[in-house]
Amino acid sequence: MSEYKLIQGDNVEVIKTLKEESIDVIVTSPPYNLDMPYGEHNDKMPYEEYISKMKETFTECKRILKDDGHLFLNIAGSSTQPWVGFDIANSLRDEYILQNNICWVKSFEDTSEGCIRGHNKPVNSNRFLSRTWEFILHFTKNGKSLLNHETSGVLYAEQWREINKKRTGRDWRPTNNTWFIPYETIGSYGGKDAKDKIRGDHPAVFPKALVKKCCNLVGNEGVLLDPFIGSGTSIIAALECGMDAIGIDIDKNYLEYAENRIQREFS
């Protein structure tokens, strides 16, 4: 197994102790500031304070990110705070280039079949639409960091695979900037007992497939950092991709849970 390290503390202070240009890719999903029960974290900051905290964290991340490195930042707002992703992106425009803006689709309406595909949480309002996608903001230092289309490519549909392989020499095509990755439901975990083993008391675990997609884009090489490690999903995904990983969290209970989860996954 590749190597990993879990570190407890305020992420900005911990990041200051890490070596300059030592990280190849950062994949993270910060708390959404929607008053969710994130252990020791205050998830109900004043809006401007939250934006400032995000800017401080990811500005400090720039120092430890390699010049050709990548930052994949998952951000979600709410129906009443739809500007969060835009405001965080704008706060970082003097530090990074927004190289790609990826849309993570959790569910969608298939109008051809008249159904919803993926897990969908209906909105409890007659003013808003159900929110079924989130930002994945892909930042780099200069806008020139290369992606690995071979390790992140998508296979052609089976009936076209051999045709395109003969025509282009490959049976895949480069991935696009819209990713349909459904949330893992309790049923997909195998029921409540399995769910508890995967997410514990963390309120918002993102799919492992989402992190793996980001790892694939950088060729599954190098060191991954997640400064908001939570239940440990990004560390497990990185290790499964053959990468080394570092996770930071302020909550010692989450870190203990992540450590136990990692040991279960790789025992």
C-alpha atoms as a PDB file:
ATOM      1  CA  MET A   1       0.000   0.000   0.000  1.00  0.00           C
ATOM      2  CA  SER A   2       1.104   3.571  -0.634  1.00  0.00           C
ATOM      3  CA  GLU A   3       1.955   5.771   2.348  1.00  0.00           C
ATOM      4  CA  TYR A   4      -0.425   8.116   4.137  1.00  0.00           C
ATOM      5  CA  LYS A   5      -0.417  10.519   7.076  1.00  0.00           C
ATOM      6  CA  LEU A   6      -3.311  11.972   9.092  1.00  0.00           C
ATOM      7  CA  ILE A   7      -2.695  15.222  10.989  1.00  0.00           C
ATOM      8  CA  GLN A   8      -4.942  16.896  13.557  1.00  0.00           C
ATOM      9  CA  GLY A   9      -5.129  20.674  13.799  1.00  0.00           C
ATOM     10  CA  ASP A  10      -6.254  23.875  12.133  1.00  0.00           C
ATOM     11  CA  ASN A  11      -5.553  23.243   8.462  1.00  0.00           C
ATOM     12  CA  VAL A  12      -3.880  26.599   7.805  1.00  0.00           C
ATOM     13  CA  GLU A  13      -1.438  26.116  10.683  1.00  0.00           C
ATOM     14  CA  VAL A  14      -0.706  22.531   9.648  1.00  0.00           C
ATOM     15  CA  ILE A  15      -0.186  23.491   5.993  1.00  0.00           C
ATOM     16  CA  LYS A  16       2.385  26.079   7.119  1.00  0.00           C
ATOM     17  CA  THR A  17       4.515  23.190   8.432  1.00  0.00           C
ATOM     18  CA  LEU A  18       4.499  21.291   5.128  1.00  0.00           C
ATOM     19  CA  LYS A  19       7.366  21.561   2.677  1.00  0.00           C
ATOM     20  CA  GLU A  20       7.112  24.055  -0.179  1.00  0.00           C
ATOM     21  CA  GLU A  21       6.053  22.509  -3.522  1.00  0.00           C
ATOM     22  CA  SER A  22       5.667  19.054  -1.981  1.00  0.00           C
ATOM     23  CA  ILE A  23       2.061  18.300  -3.054  1.00  0.00           C
ATOM     24  CA  ASP A  24       1.000  17.158  -6.525  1.00  0.00           C
ATOM     25  CA  VAL A  25      -2.764  17.400  -6.164  1.00  0.00           C
ATOM     26  CA  ILE A  26      -5.258  18.710  -3.620  1.00  0.00           C
ATOM     27  CA  VAL A  27      -8.745  17.206  -3.669  1.00  0.00           C
ATOM     28  CA  THR A  28     -11.125  18.452  -1.032  1.00  0.00           C
ATOM     29  CA  SER A  29     -14.691  19.278  -0.099  1.00  0.00           C
ATOM     30  CA  PRO A  30     -14.804  21.875   2.703  1.00  0.00           C
ATOM     31  CA  PRO A  31     -17.749  22.099   5.104  1.00  0.00           C
ATOM     32  CA  TYR A  32     -20.579  23.878   3.307  1.00  0.00           C
ATOM     33  CA  ASN A  33     -21.349  26.415   6.070  1.00  0.00           C
ATOM     34  CA  LEU A  34     -24.986  25.304   6.104  1.00  0.00           C
ATOM     35  CA  ASP A  35     -25.184  24.665   9.868  1.00  0.00           C
ATOM     36  CA  MET A  36     -24.510  20.939   9.560  1.00  0.00           C
ATOM     37  CA  PRO A  37     -23.221  18.894  12.534  1.00  0.00           C
ATOM     38  CA  TYR A  38     -19.499  18.668  11.674  1.00  0.00           C
ATOM     39  CA  GLY A  39     -18.136  17.664  15.092  1.00  0.00           C
ATOM     40  CA  GLU A  40     -15.882  20.428  16.426  1.00  0.00           C
ATOM     41  CA  HIS A  41     -16.174  22.612  13.328  1.00  0.00           C
ATOM     42  CA  ASN A  42     -18.380  25.723  13.433  1.00  0.00           C
ATOM     43  CA  ASP A  43     -20.495  25.315  10.305  1.00  0.00           C
ATOM     44  CA  LYS A  44     -22.457  28.517  10.776  1.00  0.00           C
ATOM     45  CA  MET A  45     -19.908  31.275  10.220  1.00  0.00           C
ATOM     46  CA  PRO A  46     -21.006  34.693   8.976  1.00  0.00           C
ATOM     47  CA  TYR A  47     -20.896  34.512   5.179  1.00  0.00           C
ATOM     48  CA  GLU A  48     -17.931  36.855   4.664  1.00  0.00           C
ATOM     49  CA  GLU A  49     -15.975  35.094   7.413  1.00  0.00           C
ATOM     50  CA  TYR A  50     -16.532  31.757   5.681  1.00  0.00           C
ATOM     51  CA  ILE A  51     -15.346  33.105   2.314  1.00  0.00           C
ATOM     52  CA  SER A  52     -12.311  34.623   4.056  1.00  0.00           C
ATOM     53  CA  LYS A  53     -11.495  31.292   5.717  1.00  0.00           C
ATOM     54  CA  MET A  54     -11.647  29.479   2.389  1.00  0.00           C
ATOM     55  CA  LYS A  55      -9.399  32.096   0.796  1.00  0.00           C
ATOM     56  CA  GLU A  56      -6.878  31.844   3.637  1.00  0.00           C
ATOM     57  CA  THR A  57      -6.782  28.054   3.446  1.00  0.00           C
ATOM     58  CA  PHE A  58      -6.309  27.760  -0.295  1.00  0.00           C
ATOM     59  CA  THR A  59      -3.900  30.685  -0.512  1.00  0.00           C
ATOM     60  CA  GLU A  60      -1.685  28.833   1.955  1.00  0.00           C
ATOM     61  CA  CYS A  61      -2.141  25.667  -0.129  1.00  0.00           C
ATOM     62  CA  LYS A  62      -0.567  27.422  -3.101  1.00  0.00           C
ATOM     63  CA  ARG A  63       2.828  27.480  -1.372  1.00  0.00           C
ATOM     64  CA  ILE A  64       2.967  23.701  -0.938  1.00  0.00           C
ATOM     65  CA  LEU A  65       1.476  22.875  -4.350  1.00  0.00           C
ATOM     66  CA  LYS A  66       3.967  22.056  -7.099  1.00  0.00           C
ATOM     67  CA  ASP A  67       4.171  24.518  -9.975  1.00  0.00           C
ATOM     68  CA  ASP A  68       2.458  21.993 -12.252  1.00  0.00           C
ATOM     69  CA  GLY A  69       0.090  20.793  -9.508  1.00  0.00           C
ATOM     70  CA  HIS A  70      -3.688  20.744  -9.336  1.00  0.00           C
ATOM     71  CA  LEU A  71      -6.346  21.861  -6.850  1.00  0.00           C
ATOM     72  CA  PHE A  72      -9.794  20.269  -7.202  1.00  0.00           C
ATOM     73  CA  LEU A  73     -12.221  22.103  -4.942  1.00  0.00           C
ATOM     74  CA  ASN A  74     -15.757  20.769  -4.447  1.00  0.00           C
ATOM     75  CA  ILE A  75     -18.129  23.568  -3.439  1.00  0.00           C
ATOM     76  CA  ALA A  76     -21.876  23.513  -2.930  1.00  0.00           C
ATOM     77  CA  GLY A  77     -24.193  26.343  -2.047  1.00  0.00           C
ATOM     78  CA  SER A  78     -27.835  26.265  -1.109  1.00  0.00           C
ATOM     79  CA  SER A  79     -31.017  27.588  -2.641  1.00  0.00           C
ATOM     80  CA  THR A  80     -30.776  30.715  -0.488  1.00  0.00           C
ATOM     81  CA  GLN A  81     -26.977  31.085  -0.909  1.00  0.00           C
ATOM     82  CA  PRO A  82     -26.332  30.300  -4.589  1.00  0.00           C
ATOM     83  CA  TRP A  83     -23.269  32.571  -4.873  1.00  0.00           C
ATOM     84  CA  VAL A  84     -20.920  30.549  -2.647  1.00  0.00           C
ATOM     85  CA  GLY A  85     -19.021  28.769  -5.431  1.00  0.00           C
ATOM     86  CA  PHE A  86     -18.701  31.960  -7.453  1.00  0.00           C
ATOM     87  CA  ASP A  87     -17.551  34.015  -4.454  1.00  0.00           C
ATOM     88  CA  ILE A  88     -14.906  31.478  -3.402  1.00  0.00           C
ATOM     89  CA  ALA A  89     -13.631  31.213  -6.978  1.00  0.00           C
ATOM     90  CA  ASN A  90     -13.499  35.005  -7.270  1.00  0.00           C
ATOM     91  CA  SER A  91     -11.634  35.326  -3.956  1.00  0.00           C
ATOM     92  CA  LEU A  92      -8.865  33.103  -5.366  1.00  0.00           C
ATOM     93  CA  ARG A  93      -8.478  34.672  -8.801  1.00  0.00           C
ATOM     94  CA  ASP A  94      -5.331  36.594  -7.768  1.00  0.00           C
ATOM     95  CA  GLU A  95      -3.720  33.340  -6.566  1.00  0.00           C
ATOM     96  CA  TYR A  96      -4.763  30.742  -9.135  1.00  0.00           C
ATOM     97  CA  ILE A  97      -5.977  30.236 -12.669  1.00  0.00           C
ATOM     98  CA  LEU A  98      -9.377  28.546 -12.915  1.00  0.00           C
ATOM     99  CA  GLN A  99      -8.241  26.029 -15.525  1.00  0.00           C
ATOM    100  CA  ASN A 100     -11.456  23.985 -15.634  1.00  0.00           C
ATOM    101  CA  ASN A 101     -14.911  24.403 -14.111  1.00  0.00           C
ATOM    102  CA  ILE A 102     -16.380  20.924 -13.698  1.00  0.00           C
ATOM    103  CA  CYS A 103     -20.032  20.183 -13.041  1.00  0.00           C
ATOM    104  CA  TRP A 104     -20.578  17.208 -10.730  1.00  0.00           C
ATOM    105  CA  VAL A 105     -24.075  15.907 -11.492  1.00  0.00           C
ATOM    106  CA  LYS A 106     -25.552  13.829  -8.668  1.00  0.00           C
ATOM    107  CA  SER A 107     -28.864  13.174 -10.416  1.00  0.00           C
ATOM    108  CA  PHE A 108     -30.672  14.391 -13.524  1.00  0.00           C
ATOM    109  CA  GLU A 109     -34.000  14.271 -15.304  1.00  0.00           C
ATOM    110  CA  ASP A 110     -33.921  11.855 -18.214  1.00  0.00           C
ATOM    111  CA  THR A 111     -36.704  13.431 -20.256  1.00  0.00           C
ATOM    112  CA  SER A 112     -36.450  10.719 -22.914  1.00  0.00           C
ATOM    113  CA  GLU A 113     -37.467   8.128 -20.304  1.00  0.00           C
ATOM    114  CA  GLY A 114     -39.460  10.400 -17.993  1.00  0.00           C
ATOM    115  CA  CYS A 115     -37.469   9.484 -14.883  1.00  0.00           C
ATOM    116  CA  ILE A 116     -34.811  10.700 -12.458  1.00  0.00           C
ATOM    117  CA  ARG A 117     -31.416   8.999 -12.669  1.00  0.00           C
ATOM    118  CA  GLY A 118     -29.282   9.025  -9.560  1.00  0.00           C
ATOM    119  CA  HIS A 119     -30.166   9.847  -5.975  1.00  0.00           C
ATOM    120  CA  ASN A 120     -32.422  12.881  -5.756  1.00  0.00           C
ATOM    121  CA  LYS A 121     -33.454  14.804  -2.630  1.00  0.00           C
ATOM    122  CA  PRO A 122     -36.623  16.733  -3.536  1.00  0.00           C
ATOM    123  CA  VAL A 123     -36.673  20.394  -2.583  1.00  0.00           C
ATOM    124  CA  ASN A 124     -39.074  21.365   0.204  1.00  0.00           C
ATOM    125  CA  SER A 125     -40.093  24.686  -1.320  1.00  0.00           C
ATOM    126  CA  ASN A 126     -42.343  26.128  -3.990  1.00  0.00           C
ATOM    127  CA  ARG A 127     -39.732  28.783  -4.856  1.00  0.00           C
ATOM    128  CA  PHE A 128     -36.706  26.677  -5.811  1.00  0.00           C
ATOM    129  CA  LEU A 129     -35.688  23.737  -7.969  1.00  0.00           C
ATOM    130  CA  SER A 130     -34.042  20.651  -6.496  1.00  0.00           C
ATOM    131  CA  ARG A 131     -30.271  21.100  -6.382  1.00  0.00           C
ATOM    132  CA  THR A 132     -28.668  18.140  -8.142  1.00  0.00           C
ATOM    133  CA  TRP A 133     -25.172  19.339  -9.080  1.00  0.00           C
ATOM    134  CA  GLU A 134     -22.136  20.948  -7.448  1.00  0.00           C
ATOM    135  CA  PHE A 135     -18.983  22.761  -8.549  1.00  0.00           C
ATOM    136  CA  ILE A 136     -15.625  21.035  -8.917  1.00  0.00           C
ATOM    137  CA  LEU A 137     -13.313  24.007  -9.415  1.00  0.00           C
ATOM    138  CA  HIS A 138     -10.005  22.941 -10.983  1.00  0.00           C
ATOM    139  CA  PHE A 139      -7.365  25.520 -10.074  1.00  0.00           C
ATOM    140  CA  THR A 140      -3.715  25.576 -11.153  1.00  0.00           C
ATOM    141  CA  LYS A 141      -0.910  28.063 -10.637  1.00  0.00           C
ATOM    142  CA  ASN A 142      -0.510  29.132 -14.258  1.00  0.00           C
ATOM    143  CA  GLY A 143      -3.288  27.465 -16.259  1.00  0.00           C
ATOM    144  CA  LYS A 144      -0.783  25.156 -17.967  1.00  0.00           C
ATOM    145  CA  SER A 145      -0.810  22.043 -15.764  1.00  0.00           C
ATOM    146  CA  LEU A 146      -1.222  18.966 -17.945  1.00  0.00           C
ATOM    147  CA  LEU A 147      -3.974  16.386 -17.570  1.00  0.00           C
ATOM    148  CA  ASN A 148      -3.591  12.693 -18.374  1.00  0.00           C
ATOM    149  CA  HIS A 149      -6.339  11.901 -20.859  1.00  0.00           C
ATOM    150  CA  GLU A 150      -5.305   8.269 -21.102  1.00  0.00           C
ATOM    151  CA  THR A 151      -5.806   7.425 -17.414  1.00  0.00           C
ATOM    152  CA  SER A 152      -8.944   9.580 -17.177  1.00  0.00           C
ATOM    153  CA  GLY A 153     -10.447   8.752 -20.565  1.00  0.00           C
ATOM    154  CA  VAL A 154     -13.910   7.254 -21.035  1.00  0.00           C
ATOM    155  CA  LEU A 155     -14.523   4.104 -23.081  1.00  0.00           C
ATOM    156  CA  TYR A 156     -16.666   4.456 -26.175  1.00  0.00           C
ATOM    157  CA  ALA A 157     -19.981   2.645 -26.104  1.00  0.00           C
ATOM    158  CA  GLU A 158     -19.363  -1.021 -26.885  1.00  0.00           C
ATOM    159  CA  GLN A 159     -20.787  -0.866 -30.414  1.00  0.00           C
ATOM    160  CA  TRP A 160     -18.354   1.952 -31.312  1.00  0.00           C
ATOM    161  CA  ARG A 161     -15.296   0.751 -29.419  1.00  0.00           C
ATOM    162  CA  GLU A 162     -13.596  -1.363 -32.091  1.00  0.00           C
ATOM    163  CA  ILE A 163     -14.499   1.090 -34.858  1.00  0.00           C
ATOM    164  CA  ASN A 164     -12.774   3.967 -33.059  1.00  0.00           C
ATOM    165  CA  LYS A 165      -9.827   1.822 -32.059  1.00  0.00           C
ATOM    166  CA  LYS A 166      -9.183   1.044 -35.729  1.00  0.00           C
ATOM    167  CA  ARG A 167      -9.701   4.674 -36.718  1.00  0.00           C
ATOM    168  CA  THR A 168      -7.771   6.458 -33.922  1.00  0.00           C
ATOM    169  CA  GLY A 169      -5.732   3.694 -32.287  1.00  0.00           C
ATOM    170  CA  ARG A 170      -7.676   3.966 -29.032  1.00  0.00           C
ATOM    171  CA  ASP A 171     -11.022   2.757 -27.755  1.00  0.00           C
ATOM    172  CA  TRP A 172     -11.546   5.726 -25.414  1.00  0.00           C
ATOM    173  CA  ARG A 173     -12.018   9.466 -25.655  1.00  0.00           C
ATOM    174  CA  PRO A 174     -10.956  12.271 -23.283  1.00  0.00           C
ATOM    175  CA  THR A 175     -13.273  12.948 -20.374  1.00  0.00           C
ATOM    176  CA  ASN A 176     -15.448  16.073 -20.410  1.00  0.00           C
ATOM    177  CA  ASN A 177     -16.328  18.665 -17.772  1.00  0.00           C
ATOM    178  CA  THR A 178     -19.660  17.141 -16.723  1.00  0.00           C
ATOM    179  CA  TRP A 179     -19.428  14.120 -14.431  1.00  0.00           C
ATOM    180  CA  PHE A 180     -22.468  12.043 -13.524  1.00  0.00           C
ATOM    181  CA  ILE A 181     -21.480  10.429 -10.223  1.00  0.00           C
ATOM    182  CA  PRO A 182     -24.496   9.536  -8.071  1.00  0.00           C
ATOM    183  CA  TYR A 183     -24.306   9.785  -4.310  1.00  0.00           C
ATOM    184  CA  GLU A 184     -23.969   6.449  -2.565  1.00  0.00           C
ATOM    185  CA  THR A 185     -27.245   5.796  -0.748  1.00  0.00           C
ATOM    186  CA  ILE A 186     -27.765   3.727   2.415  1.00  0.00           C
ATOM    187  CA  GLY A 187     -28.938   0.898   0.168  1.00  0.00           C
ATOM    188  CA  SER A 188     -25.785   1.041  -1.922  1.00  0.00           C
ATOM    189  CA  TYR A 189     -23.700   0.803   1.268  1.00  0.00           C
ATOM    190  CA  GLY A 190     -25.529  -2.397   2.169  1.00  0.00           C
ATOM    191  CA  GLY A 191     -27.832  -0.963   4.835  1.00  0.00           C
ATOM    192  CA  LYS A 192     -27.423   1.117   7.990  1.00  0.00           C
ATOM    193  CA  ASP A 193     -24.689  -1.028   9.567  1.00  0.00           C
ATOM    194  CA  ALA A 194     -22.525  -0.788   6.444  1.00  0.00           C
ATOM    195  CA  LYS A 195     -23.290   2.947   6.189  1.00  0.00           C
ATOM    196  CA  ASP A 196     -21.984   3.530   9.720  1.00  0.00           C
ATOM    197  CA  LYS A 197     -18.724   1.802   8.795  1.00  0.00           C
ATOM    198  CA  ILE A 198     -18.262   4.072   5.780  1.00  0.00           C
ATOM    199  CA  ARG A 199     -19.323   7.486   7.053  1.00  0.00           C
ATOM    200  CA  GLY A 200     -19.704   7.301  10.846  1.00  0.00           C
ATOM    201  CA  ASP A 201     -21.356  10.482  12.135  1.00  0.00           C
ATOM    202  CA  HIS A 202     -20.014  12.643   9.299  1.00  0.00           C
ATOM    203  CA  PRO A 203     -22.994  14.415   7.653  1.00  0.00           C
ATOM    204  CA  ALA A 204     -21.666  14.816   4.100  1.00  0.00           C
ATOM    205  CA  VAL A 205     -19.425  12.103   2.675  1.00  0.00           C
ATOM    206  CA  PHE A 206     -18.680  12.520  -1.006  1.00  0.00           C
ATOM    207  CA  PRO A 207     -18.367   9.521  -3.359  1.00  0.00           C
ATOM    208  CA  LYS A 208     -15.005   7.787  -3.603  1.00  0.00           C
ATOM    209  CA  ALA A 209     -15.496   7.712  -7.391  1.00  0.00           C
ATOM    210  CA  LEU A 210     -15.369  11.517  -7.429  1.00  0.00           C
ATOM    211  CA  VAL A 211     -11.900  11.603  -5.871  1.00  0.00           C
ATOM    212  CA  LYS A 212     -10.704   8.786  -8.119  1.00  0.00           C
ATOM    213  CA  LYS A 213     -11.801  10.768 -11.168  1.00  0.00           C
ATOM    214  CA  CYS A 214      -9.547  13.636 -10.034  1.00  0.00           C
ATOM    215  CA  CYS A 215      -6.674  11.216  -9.362  1.00  0.00           C
ATOM    216  CA  ASN A 216      -7.138   9.723 -12.834  1.00  0.00           C
ATOM    217  CA  LEU A 217      -6.879  13.198 -14.358  1.00  0.00           C
ATOM    218  CA  VAL A 218      -3.394  13.679 -12.894  1.00  0.00           C
ATOM    219  CA  GLY A 219      -2.228  10.207 -13.894  1.00  0.00           C
ATOM    220  CA  ASN A 220      -2.601   8.553 -10.476  1.00  0.00           C
ATOM    221  CA  GLU A 221       0.871   9.748  -9.473  1.00  0.00           C
ATOM    222  CA  GLY A 222       2.378  11.769  -6.645  1.00  0.00           C
ATOM    223  CA  VAL A 223       1.050  12.997  -3.298  1.00  0.00           C
ATOM    224  CA  LEU A 224      -2.563  13.972  -2.647  1.00  0.00           C
ATOM    225  CA  LEU A 225      -3.575  16.366   0.142  1.00  0.00           C
ATOM    226  CA  ASP A 226      -7.040  16.834   1.605  1.00  0.00           C
ATOM    227  CA  PRO A 227      -7.070  19.680   4.165  1.00  0.00           C
ATOM    228  CA  PHE A 228     -10.644  18.786   5.243  1.00  0.00           C
ATOM    229  CA  ILE A 229     -10.335  15.005   5.568  1.00  0.00           C
ATOM    230  CA  GLY A 230     -13.599  14.242   7.399  1.00  0.00           C
ATOM    231  CA  SER A 231     -14.338  10.518   7.175  1.00  0.00           C
ATOM    232  CA  GLY A 232     -11.249   9.721   5.078  1.00  0.00           C
ATOM    233  CA  THR A 233     -12.795   9.117   1.641  1.00  0.00           C
ATOM    234  CA  SER A 234     -10.155  11.032  -0.325  1.00  0.00           C
ATOM    235  CA  ILE A 235      -7.293   9.232   1.419  1.00  0.00           C
ATOM    236  CA  ILE A 236      -8.757   5.813   0.632  1.00  0.00           C
ATOM    237  CA  ALA A 237      -9.381   6.809  -2.996  1.00  0.00           C
ATOM    238  CA  ALA A 238      -5.815   8.086  -3.400  1.00  0.00           C
ATOM    239  CA  LEU A 239      -4.337   4.927  -1.884  1.00  0.00           C
ATOM    240  CA  GLU A 240      -6.448   2.757  -4.183  1.00  0.00           C
ATOM    241  CA  CYS A 241      -5.050   4.759  -7.124  1.00  0.00           C
ATOM    242  CA  GLY A 242      -1.483   4.082  -5.969  1.00  0.00           C
ATOM    243  CA  MET A 243      -0.834   7.603  -4.659  1.00  0.00           C
ATOM    244  CA  ASP A 244       0.554   8.755  -1.328  1.00  0.00           C
ATOM    245  CA  ALA A 245      -1.807  10.920   0.735  1.00  0.00           C
ATOM    246  CA  ILE A 246      -2.002  13.434   3.588  1.00  0.00           C
ATOM    247  CA  GLY A 247      -5.200  14.297   5.419  1.00  0.00           C
ATOM    248  CA  ILE A 248      -5.835  17.155   7.860  1.00  0.00           C
ATOM    249  CA  ASP A 249      -8.800  17.724  10.153  1.00  0.00           C
ATOM    250  CA  ILE A 250      -9.450  19.776  13.262  1.00  0.00           C
ATOM    251  CA  ASP A 251     -11.635  17.051  14.788  1.00  0.00           C
ATOM    252  CA  LYS A 252      -9.733  14.198  16.450  1.00  0.00           C
ATOM    253  CA  ASN A 253     -12.816  11.958  16.343  1.00  0.00           C
ATOM    254  CA  TYR A 254     -13.003  12.224  12.548  1.00  0.00           C
ATOM    255  CA  LEU A 255      -9.297  11.427  12.285  1.00  0.00           C
ATOM    256  CA  GLU A 256      -9.680   8.378  14.517  1.00  0.00           C
ATOM    257  CA  TYR A 257     -12.645   7.248  12.448  1.00  0.00           C
ATOM    258  CA  ALA A 258     -10.718   7.830   9.180  1.00  0.00           C
ATOM    259  CA  GLU A 259      -7.754   5.829  10.516  1.00  0.00           C
ATOM    260  CA  ASN A 260      -9.988   2.922  11.490  1.00  0.00           C
ATOM    261  CA  ARG A 261     -11.758   3.050   8.137  1.00  0.00           C
ATOM    262  CA  ILE A 262      -8.470   3.019   6.225  1.00  0.00           C
ATOM    263  CA  GLN A 263      -7.239   0.052   8.243  1.00  0.00           C
ATOM    264  CA  ARG A 264     -10.482  -1.838   7.531  1.00  0.00           C
ATOM    265  CA  GLU A 265     -10.252  -1.099   3.802  1.00  0.00           C
ATOM    266  CA  PHE A 266      -6.679  -2.336   3.471  1.00  0.00           C
ATOM    267  CA  SER A 267      -6.495  -5.082   6.075  1.00  0.00           C
END
